[in-house]
PDB file of all heavy atoms in Angstrom:
ATOM      1  N   GLY A   1       0.810  -1.210   0.000  1.00  0.00           N
ATOM      2  CA  GLY A   1       0.000   0.000   0.000  1.00  0.00           C
ATOM      3  C   GLY A   1       0.844   1.261   0.000  1.00  0.00           C
ATOM      4  O   GLY A   1       0.338   2.359   0.230  1.00  0.00           O
ATOM      5  N   MET A   2       2.113   1.106  -0.272  1.00  0.00           N
ATOM      6  CA  MET A   2       3.056   2.230  -0.276  1.00  0.00           C
ATOM      7  C   MET A   2       4.322   1.776  -0.980  1.00  0.00           C
ATOM      8  O   MET A   2       4.483   0.574  -1.228  1.00  0.00           O
ATOM      9  CB  MET A   2       3.381   2.670   1.158  1.00  0.00           C
ATOM     10  CG  MET A   2       4.043   1.611   2.009  1.00  0.00           C
ATOM     11  SD  MET A   2       4.297   2.106   3.738  1.00  0.00           S
ATOM     12  CE  MET A   2       2.639   2.404   4.294  1.00  0.00           C
ATOM     13  N   PRO A   3       5.219   2.703  -1.283  1.00  0.00           N
ATOM     14  CA  PRO A   3       6.467   2.306  -1.935  1.00  0.00           C
ATOM     15  C   PRO A   3       7.301   1.367  -1.061  1.00  0.00           C
ATOM     16  O   PRO A   3       7.216   1.389   0.171  1.00  0.00           O
ATOM     17  CB  PRO A   3       7.202   3.639  -2.135  1.00  0.00           C
ATOM     18  CG  PRO A   3       6.162   4.689  -2.053  1.00  0.00           C
ATOM     19  CD  PRO A   3       5.119   4.158  -1.114  1.00  0.00           C
ATOM     20  N   TRP A   4       8.126   0.561  -1.735  1.00  0.00           N
ATOM     21  CA  TRP A   4       8.983  -0.402  -1.055  1.00  0.00           C
ATOM     22  C   TRP A   4       9.786   0.251   0.064  1.00  0.00           C
ATOM     23  O   TRP A   4       9.846  -0.261   1.180  1.00  0.00           O
ATOM     24  CB  TRP A   4       9.929  -1.070  -2.070  1.00  0.00           C
ATOM     25  CG  TRP A   4      10.934  -1.937  -1.410  1.00  0.00           C
ATOM     26  CD1 TRP A   4      12.212  -1.606  -1.060  1.00  0.00           C
ATOM     27  CD2 TRP A   4      10.754  -3.287  -0.973  1.00  0.00           C
ATOM     28  NE1 TRP A   4      12.837  -2.661  -0.439  1.00  0.00           N
ATOM     29  CE2 TRP A   4      11.950  -3.707  -0.374  1.00  0.00           C
ATOM     30  CE3 TRP A   4       9.690  -4.179  -1.034  1.00  0.00           C
ATOM     31  CZ2 TRP A   4      12.122  -4.975   0.153  1.00  0.00           C
ATOM     32  CZ3 TRP A   4       9.863  -5.447  -0.509  1.00  0.00           C
ATOM     33  CH2 TRP A   4      11.067  -5.831   0.085  1.00  0.00           C
ATOM     34  N   TRP A   5      10.439   1.376  -0.234  1.00  0.00           N
ATOM     35  CA  TRP A   5      11.329   1.995   0.743  1.00  0.00           C
ATOM     36  C   TRP A   5      10.568   2.445   1.982  1.00  0.00           C
ATOM     37  O   TRP A   5      11.099   2.369   3.083  1.00  0.00           O
ATOM     38  CB  TRP A   5      12.133   3.142   0.133  1.00  0.00           C
ATOM     39  CG  TRP A   5      11.302   4.169  -0.563  1.00  0.00           C
ATOM     40  CD1 TRP A   5      10.676   5.240  -0.001  1.00  0.00           C
ATOM     41  CD2 TRP A   5      11.002   4.215  -1.951  1.00  0.00           C
ATOM     42  NE1 TRP A   5       9.996   5.952  -0.951  1.00  0.00           N
ATOM     43  CE2 TRP A   5      10.178   5.340  -2.174  1.00  0.00           C
ATOM     44  CE3 TRP A   5      11.350   3.403  -3.042  1.00  0.00           C
ATOM     45  CZ2 TRP A   5       9.692   5.681  -3.423  1.00  0.00           C
ATOM     46  CZ3 TRP A   5      10.857   3.760  -4.291  1.00  0.00           C
ATOM     47  CH2 TRP A   5      10.044   4.875  -4.468  1.00  0.00           C
ATOM     48  N   ALA A   6       9.321   2.898   1.829  1.00  0.00           N
ATOM     49  CA  ALA A   6       8.535   3.301   2.996  1.00  0.00           C
ATOM     50  C   ALA A   6       8.169   2.079   3.831  1.00  0.00           C
ATOM     51  O   ALA A   6       8.278   2.104   5.066  1.00  0.00           O
ATOM     52  CB  ALA A   6       7.282   4.049   2.546  1.00  0.00           C
ATOM     53  N   ALA A   7       7.757   0.994   3.166  1.00  0.00           N
ATOM     54  CA  ALA A   7       7.447  -0.243   3.889  1.00  0.00           C
ATOM     55  C   ALA A   7       8.693  -0.738   4.619  1.00  0.00           C
ATOM     56  O   ALA A   7       8.614  -1.164   5.778  1.00  0.00           O
ATOM     57  CB  ALA A   7       6.919  -1.303   2.928  1.00  0.00           C
ATOM     58  N   HIS A   8       9.839  -0.672   3.964  1.00  0.00           N
ATOM     59  CA  HIS A   8      11.093  -1.094   4.605  1.00  0.00           C
ATOM     60  C   HIS A   8      11.358  -0.268   5.856  1.00  0.00           C
ATOM     61  O   HIS A   8      11.672  -0.814   6.923  1.00  0.00           O
ATOM     62  CB  HIS A   8      12.268  -0.973   3.628  1.00  0.00           C
ATOM     63  CG  HIS A   8      13.602  -1.064   4.295  1.00  0.00           C
ATOM     64  ND1 HIS A   8      14.064  -2.224   4.883  1.00  0.00           N
ATOM     65  CD2 HIS A   8      14.553  -0.127   4.507  1.00  0.00           C
ATOM     66  CE1 HIS A   8      15.252  -2.003   5.420  1.00  0.00           C
ATOM     67  NE2 HIS A   8      15.569  -0.733   5.195  1.00  0.00           N
ATOM     68  N   ARG A   9      11.255   1.028   5.738  1.00  0.00           N
ATOM     69  CA  ARG A   9      11.570   1.905   6.874  1.00  0.00           C
ATOM     70  C   ARG A   9      10.634   1.649   8.051  1.00  0.00           C
ATOM     71  O   ARG A   9      11.071   1.675   9.206  1.00  0.00           O
ATOM     72  CB  ARG A   9      11.510   3.359   6.420  1.00  0.00           C
ATOM     73  CG  ARG A   9      12.635   3.716   5.465  1.00  0.00           C
ATOM     74  CD  ARG A   9      12.431   5.062   4.816  1.00  0.00           C
ATOM     75  NE  ARG A   9      13.517   5.344   3.883  1.00  0.00           N
ATOM     76  CZ  ARG A   9      13.430   6.215   2.895  1.00  0.00           C
ATOM     77  NH1 ARG A   9      12.317   6.926   2.715  1.00  0.00           N
ATOM     78  NH2 ARG A   9      14.446   6.406   2.081  1.00  0.00           N
ATOM     79  N   LEU A  10       9.364   1.411   7.780  1.00  0.00           N
ATOM     80  CA  LEU A  10       8.412   1.140   8.857  1.00  0.00           C
ATOM     81  C   LEU A  10       8.621  -0.247   9.454  1.00  0.00           C
ATOM     82  O   LEU A  10       8.633  -0.418  10.678  1.00  0.00           O
ATOM     83  CB  LEU A  10       6.979   1.294   8.345  1.00  0.00           C
ATOM     84  CG  LEU A  10       6.571   2.712   7.953  1.00  0.00           C
ATOM     85  CD1 LEU A  10       5.230   2.702   7.228  1.00  0.00           C
ATOM     86  CD2 LEU A  10       6.515   3.614   9.185  1.00  0.00           C
ATOM     87  N   CYS A  11       8.792  -1.239   8.590  1.00  0.00           N
ATOM     88  CA  CYS A  11       8.926  -2.624   9.066  1.00  0.00           C
ATOM     89  C   CYS A  11      10.222  -2.844   9.828  1.00  0.00           C
ATOM     90  O   CYS A  11      10.244  -3.605  10.799  1.00  0.00           O
ATOM     91  CB  CYS A  11       8.803  -3.604   7.901  1.00  0.00           C
ATOM     92  SG  CYS A  11       7.130  -3.691   7.221  1.00  0.00           S
ATOM     93  N   ILE A  12      11.294  -2.197   9.420  1.00  0.00           N
ATOM     94  CA  ILE A  12      12.561  -2.386  10.136  1.00  0.00           C
ATOM     95  C   ILE A  12      12.438  -1.836  11.553  1.00  0.00           C
ATOM     96  O   ILE A  12      12.950  -2.435  12.508  1.00  0.00           O
ATOM     97  CB  ILE A  12      13.775  -1.770   9.378  1.00  0.00           C
ATOM     98  CG1 ILE A  12      15.095  -2.197  10.010  1.00  0.00           C
ATOM     99  CG2 ILE A  12      13.739  -0.259   9.364  1.00  0.00           C
ATOM    100  CD1 ILE A  12      15.498  -3.591   9.749  1.00  0.00           C
ATOM    101  N   LYS A  13      11.736  -0.736  11.719  1.00  0.00           N
ATOM    102  CA  LYS A  13      11.557  -0.168  13.065  1.00  0.00           C
ATOM    103  C   LYS A  13      10.705  -1.099  13.929  1.00  0.00           C
ATOM    104  O   LYS A  13      11.006  -1.296  15.111  1.00  0.00           O
ATOM    105  CB  LYS A  13      10.957   1.225  12.979  1.00  0.00           C
ATOM    106  CG  LYS A  13      11.951   2.240  12.443  1.00  0.00           C
ATOM    107  CD  LYS A  13      11.355   3.608  12.282  1.00  0.00           C
ATOM    108  CE  LYS A  13      12.438   4.542  11.739  1.00  0.00           C
ATOM    109  NZ  LYS A  13      11.944   5.817  11.325  1.00  0.00           N
ATOM    110  N   ALA A  14       9.668  -1.668  13.342  1.00  0.00           N
ATOM    111  CA  ALA A  14       8.834  -2.605  14.104  1.00  0.00           C
ATOM    112  C   ALA A  14       9.619  -3.872  14.427  1.00  0.00           C
ATOM    113  O   ALA A  14       9.513  -4.409  15.540  1.00  0.00           O
ATOM    114  CB  ALA A  14       7.558  -2.934  13.327  1.00  0.00           C
ATOM    115  N   ALA A  15      10.415  -4.358  13.496  1.00  0.00           N
ATOM    116  CA  ALA A  15      11.209  -5.568  13.742  1.00  0.00           C
ATOM    117  C   ALA A  15      12.247  -5.333  14.840  1.00  0.00           C
ATOM    118  O   ALA A  15      12.491  -6.221  15.662  1.00  0.00           O
ATOM    119  CB  ALA A  15      11.897  -6.019  12.448  1.00  0.00           C
ATOM    120  N   GLN A  16      12.814  -4.157  14.864  1.00  0.00           N
ATOM    121  CA  GLN A  16      13.837  -3.853  15.870  1.00  0.00           C
ATOM    122  C   GLN A  16      13.240  -3.709  17.272  1.00  0.00           C
ATOM    123  O   GLN A  16      13.954  -3.857  18.261  1.00  0.00           O
ATOM    124  CB  GLN A  16      14.587  -2.571  15.496  1.00  0.00           C
ATOM    125  CG  GLN A  16      15.484  -2.749  14.293  1.00  0.00           C
ATOM    126  CD  GLN A  16      16.036  -1.437  13.766  1.00  0.00           C
ATOM    127  OE1 GLN A  16      15.492  -0.355  13.996  1.00  0.00           O
ATOM    128  NE2 GLN A  16      17.129  -1.529  13.016  1.00  0.00           N
ATOM    129  N   SER A  17      11.958  -3.411  17.338  1.00  0.00           N
ATOM    130  CA  SER A  17      11.273  -3.261  18.633  1.00  0.00           C
ATOM    131  C   SER A  17      10.015  -4.120  18.628  1.00  0.00           C
ATOM    132  O   SER A  17       8.925  -3.660  18.965  1.00  0.00           O
ATOM    133  CB  SER A  17      10.904  -1.794  18.874  1.00  0.00           C
ATOM    134  OG  SER A  17      12.046  -0.986  18.858  1.00  0.00           O
ATOM    135  N   TRP A  18      10.196  -5.380  18.217  1.00  0.00           N
ATOM    136  CA  TRP A  18       9.034  -6.243  17.988  1.00  0.00           C
ATOM    137  C   TRP A  18       8.122  -6.327  19.202  1.00  0.00           C
ATOM    138  O   TRP A  18       6.909  -6.225  19.068  1.00  0.00           O
ATOM    139  CB  TRP A  18       9.459  -7.647  17.541  1.00  0.00           C
ATOM    140  CG  TRP A  18       8.258  -8.491  17.310  1.00  0.00           C
ATOM    141  CD1 TRP A  18       7.798  -9.499  18.102  1.00  0.00           C
ATOM    142  CD2 TRP A  18       7.322  -8.372  16.242  1.00  0.00           C
ATOM    143  NE1 TRP A  18       6.643 -10.019  17.587  1.00  0.00           N
ATOM    144  CE2 TRP A  18       6.322  -9.344  16.431  1.00  0.00           C
ATOM    145  CE3 TRP A  18       7.223  -7.535  15.142  1.00  0.00           C
ATOM    146  CZ2 TRP A  18       5.246  -9.518  15.575  1.00  0.00           C
ATOM    147  CZ3 TRP A  18       6.147  -7.695  14.276  1.00  0.00           C
ATOM    148  CH2 TRP A  18       5.179  -8.674  14.493  1.00  0.00           C
ATOM    149  N   TRP A  19       8.642  -6.527  20.385  1.00  0.00           N
ATOM    150  CA  TRP A  19       7.767  -6.692  21.543  1.00  0.00           C
ATOM    151  C   TRP A  19       6.930  -5.440  21.779  1.00  0.00           C
ATOM    152  O   TRP A  19       5.765  -5.531  22.161  1.00  0.00           O
ATOM    153  CB  TRP A  19       8.549  -7.105  22.796  1.00  0.00           C
ATOM    154  CG  TRP A  19       9.359  -5.998  23.413  1.00  0.00           C
ATOM    155  CD1 TRP A  19      10.655  -5.685  23.157  1.00  0.00           C
ATOM    156  CD2 TRP A  19       8.905  -5.058  24.377  1.00  0.00           C
ATOM    157  NE1 TRP A  19      11.044  -4.597  23.896  1.00  0.00           N
ATOM    158  CE2 TRP A  19       9.987  -4.193  24.672  1.00  0.00           C
ATOM    159  CE3 TRP A  19       7.689  -4.842  25.026  1.00  0.00           C
ATOM    160  CZ2 TRP A  19       9.888  -3.145  25.587  1.00  0.00           C
ATOM    161  CZ3 TRP A  19       7.597  -3.785  25.939  1.00  0.00           C
ATOM    162  CH2 TRP A  19       8.689  -2.956  26.213  1.00  0.00           C
ATOM    163  N   GLN A  20       7.503  -4.260  21.532  1.00  0.00           N
ATOM    164  CA  GLN A  20       6.737  -3.018  21.705  1.00  0.00           C
ATOM    165  C   GLN A  20       5.645  -2.905  20.641  1.00  0.00           C
ATOM    166  O   GLN A  20       4.515  -2.523  20.935  1.00  0.00           O
ATOM    167  CB  GLN A  20       7.660  -1.809  21.640  1.00  0.00           C
ATOM    168  CG  GLN A  20       8.592  -1.719  22.820  1.00  0.00           C
ATOM    169  CD  GLN A  20       9.628  -0.630  22.636  1.00  0.00           C
ATOM    170  OE1 GLN A  20      10.119  -0.400  21.527  1.00  0.00           O
ATOM    171  NE2 GLN A  20       9.967   0.055  23.722  1.00  0.00           N
ATOM    172  N   PHE A  21       6.002  -3.239  19.409  1.00  0.00           N
ATOM    173  CA  PHE A  21       5.002  -3.199  18.346  1.00  0.00           C
ATOM    174  C   PHE A  21       3.887  -4.206  18.620  1.00  0.00           C
ATOM    175  O   PHE A  21       2.710  -3.893  18.498  1.00  0.00           O
ATOM    176  CB  PHE A  21       5.654  -3.473  16.981  1.00  0.00           C
ATOM    177  CG  PHE A  21       4.659  -3.592  15.859  1.00  0.00           C
ATOM    178  CD1 PHE A  21       3.912  -2.487  15.458  1.00  0.00           C
ATOM    179  CD2 PHE A  21       4.440  -4.800  15.222  1.00  0.00           C
ATOM    180  CE1 PHE A  21       2.978  -2.590  14.429  1.00  0.00           C
ATOM    181  CE2 PHE A  21       3.513  -4.908  14.203  1.00  0.00           C
ATOM    182  CZ  PHE A  21       2.779  -3.805  13.805  1.00  0.00           C
ATOM    183  N   GLU A  22       4.266  -5.421  19.013  1.00  0.00           N
ATOM    184  CA  GLU A  22       3.268  -6.446  19.284  1.00  0.00           C
ATOM    185  C   GLU A  22       2.381  -6.048  20.460  1.00  0.00           C
ATOM    186  O   GLU A  22       1.167  -6.276  20.441  1.00  0.00           O
ATOM    187  CB  GLU A  22       3.947  -7.786  19.534  1.00  0.00           C
ATOM    188  CG  GLU A  22       2.997  -8.948  19.468  1.00  0.00           C
ATOM    189  CD  GLU A  22       3.715 -10.279  19.395  1.00  0.00           C
ATOM    190  OE1 GLU A  22       4.854 -10.402  19.892  1.00  0.00           O
ATOM    191  OE2 GLU A  22       3.114 -11.197  18.842  1.00  0.00           O
ATOM    192  N   ALA A  23       2.955  -5.436  21.479  1.00  0.00           N
ATOM    193  CA  ALA A  23       2.170  -4.954  22.615  1.00  0.00           C
ATOM    194  C   ALA A  23       1.193  -3.862  22.174  1.00  0.00           C
ATOM    195  O   ALA A  23       0.030  -3.841  22.588  1.00  0.00           O
ATOM    196  CB  ALA A  23       3.095  -4.438  23.719  1.00  0.00           C
ATOM    197  N   TRP A  24       1.674  -2.951  21.295  1.00  0.00           N
ATOM    198  CA  TRP A  24       0.798  -1.903  20.775  1.00  0.00           C
ATOM    199  C   TRP A  24      -0.362  -2.543  20.011  1.00  0.00           C
ATOM    200  O   TRP A  24      -1.518  -2.128  20.156  1.00  0.00           O
ATOM    201  CB  TRP A  24       1.586  -0.949  19.870  1.00  0.00           C
ATOM    202  CG  TRP A  24       0.736   0.146  19.307  1.00  0.00           C
ATOM    203  CD1 TRP A  24       0.525   1.384  19.844  1.00  0.00           C
ATOM    204  CD2 TRP A  24      -0.049   0.088  18.109  1.00  0.00           C
ATOM    205  NE1 TRP A  24      -0.338   2.101  19.050  1.00  0.00           N
ATOM    206  CE2 TRP A  24      -0.704   1.325  17.980  1.00  0.00           C
ATOM    207  CE3 TRP A  24      -0.264  -0.880  17.147  1.00  0.00           C
ATOM    208  CZ2 TRP A  24      -1.552   1.620  16.917  1.00  0.00           C
ATOM    209  CZ3 TRP A  24      -1.109  -0.595  16.092  1.00  0.00           C
ATOM    210  CH2 TRP A  24      -1.743   0.637  15.981  1.00  0.00           C
ATOM    211  N   CYS A  25      -0.054  -3.550  19.189  1.00  0.00           N
ATOM    212  CA  CYS A  25      -1.100  -4.242  18.430  1.00  0.00           C
ATOM    213  C   CYS A  25      -2.122  -4.866  19.374  1.00  0.00           C
ATOM    214  O   CYS A  25      -3.333  -4.732  19.169  1.00  0.00           O
ATOM    215  CB  CYS A  25      -0.493  -5.324  17.528  1.00  0.00           C
ATOM    216  SG  CYS A  25       0.392  -4.679  16.097  1.00  0.00           S
ATOM    217  N   ALA A  26      -1.640  -5.554  20.420  1.00  0.00           N
ATOM    218  CA  ALA A  26      -2.548  -6.192  21.373  1.00  0.00           C
ATOM    219  C   ALA A  26      -3.429  -5.159  22.065  1.00  0.00           C
ATOM    220  O   ALA A  26      -4.648  -5.369  22.218  1.00  0.00           O
ATOM    221  CB  ALA A  26      -1.752  -6.991  22.403  1.00  0.00           C
ATOM    222  N   ALA A  27      -2.834  -4.038  22.439  1.00  0.00           N
ATOM    223  CA  ALA A  27      -3.594  -2.984  23.112  1.00  0.00           C
ATOM    224  C   ALA A  27      -4.631  -2.346  22.188  1.00  0.00           C
ATOM    225  O   ALA A  27      -5.626  -1.786  22.658  1.00  0.00           O
ATOM    226  CB  ALA A  27      -2.642  -1.919  23.645  1.00  0.00           C
ATOM    227  N   ASN A  28      -4.405  -2.461  20.884  1.00  0.00           N
ATOM    228  CA  ASN A  28      -5.315  -1.855  19.915  1.00  0.00           C
ATOM    229  C   ASN A  28      -6.178  -2.883  19.192  1.00  0.00           C
ATOM    230  O   ASN A  28      -6.773  -2.579  18.150  1.00  0.00           O
ATOM    231  CB  ASN A  28      -4.514  -1.009  18.922  1.00  0.00           C
ATOM    232  CG  ASN A  28      -4.038   0.272  19.559  1.00  0.00           C
ATOM    233  OD1 ASN A  28      -4.803   1.227  19.684  1.00  0.00           O
ATOM    234  ND2 ASN A  28      -2.798   0.293  20.025  1.00  0.00           N
ATOM    235  N   GLY A  29      -6.231  -4.102  19.723  1.00  0.00           N
ATOM    236  CA  GLY A  29      -7.142  -5.120  19.193  1.00  0.00           C
ATOM    237  C   GLY A  29      -6.718  -5.753  17.882  1.00  0.00           C
ATOM    238  O   GLY A  29      -7.561  -6.248  17.139  1.00  0.00           O
ATOM    239  N   MET A  30      -5.441  -5.740  17.598  1.00  0.00           N
ATOM    240  CA  MET A  30      -4.963  -6.352  16.360  1.00  0.00           C
ATOM    241  C   MET A  30      -3.980  -7.468  16.680  1.00  0.00           C
ATOM    242  O   MET A  30      -3.102  -7.296  17.523  1.00  0.00           O
ATOM    243  CB  MET A  30      -4.272  -5.309  15.484  1.00  0.00           C
ATOM    244  CG  MET A  30      -3.783  -5.862  14.173  1.00  0.00           C
ATOM    245  SD  MET A  30      -2.908  -4.581  13.259  1.00  0.00           S
ATOM    246  CE  MET A  30      -1.875  -5.605  12.263  1.00  0.00           C
ATOM    247  N   ASP A  31      -4.137  -8.590  16.012  1.00  0.00           N
ATOM    248  CA  ASP A  31      -3.198  -9.697  16.167  1.00  0.00           C
ATOM    249  C   ASP A  31      -2.377  -9.804  14.889  1.00  0.00           C
ATOM    250  O   ASP A  31      -2.890 -10.263  13.864  1.00  0.00           O
ATOM    251  CB  ASP A  31      -3.944 -11.001  16.433  1.00  0.00           C
ATOM    252  CG  ASP A  31      -3.017 -12.195  16.601  1.00  0.00           C
ATOM    253  OD1 ASP A  31      -1.779 -12.015  16.520  1.00  0.00           O
ATOM    254  OD2 ASP A  31      -3.527 -13.307  16.805  1.00  0.00           O
TER     255      ASP A  31
END
């Protein structure tokens, strides 16, 4: 839904802080 480089920049940040991202997802009703 966006250019490759934008997806890369967002996904790398989530991967580097996976537990925080996953916790945010859980708190917001997303698995």
